[in-house]
Amino acid sequence: MLLAIDVGNTDIVFGIFNGALLEAKFRLSTETVRTADEIGLMVAQFCRHFGFQLEDLHMAVVGSVVPPIMYTLKHALRKYLDAPVRVVGDDLAVPLENLCEEPLGVDRAVTGVAAMAVYGAPCIVIDFGTATKADVFSPSRAYLGGLILPGIKISMDALFARAAKLPRVEIKKPRSIIGVNTVEQMQAGAVYGFVGSVEGIVAGIKRELGCPGAPVVATGGLARLIASHTESIDFVDENLTLQGLRIVCGQGA
């Protein structure tokens, strides 16, 4: 079995694969102050919860956008797993042609590989993570570029911090686009504001790409919430990055 680990700015997501089947998924908050033993023991505990043992894991593959945590994480994996550990970008390359002017982040690269494996090319991937990112892949399966904007939670945190009378609110599906109190108005603004952004972004990308039928795939923690309010998103796949890590390390498409 394979342990795939996606290290993001907010969470570390662990996925246990049996072949191409994702058997279990769990997450830890991304905290650089954790010790190797804390991480290792938590992984062991989660594995037991899902009916697995550490000995069942024959390989670990890691994709990370948080360099400060990598030394501790790799030390934890090598101490607690009797299996090879491969890190994307260090000893594992992503098979993706990049036509952009700069290197593509590991998370976005492996997510794109998975999206094209499942949904074909060309395609558009929108990741609703700490930042909201849109990535565009050509009919020849090359990365063309994309865009980045503040994530929903970041935007709402900034609104709370800069507007003295506005409260911090839970981001959830609003009852209506016309809120009847401050909390509902902020929730409606968060959700429908991003729905409007997504619809405009998708329309603009398809126009420039010249492929109006290109599938739009959403991933990330708030993908399902936003997708439920727009027809611009064709598919929601919350496990794309984990699947991409599995594919990149040679476990099949």
Foldseek 3Di string as FASTA:
>chain_A
DEWEWEADQFKIKIFDDDQLDTQDIDIDGDDLPDALVVVLVVVQVVQVVSPHGLAVHAEYEYFYPDVSNVVRPVVSCVVRHPHYYHYEPPRFDQPAAEPDPDDDGRLVRLLLVLCCVVPNPFAWEWEQAQWTWIWTAHNVRHTDDTDIGGHLQVVLVVVPVPPPPQHREDQAQAPDLDDPDRRSVSNSCSQVVVLVVLVVRLVVVCVVNVNNPHAYEYEYDCRVRNVVPDPSHDYYDHCSSSSSSCVRVPSHD
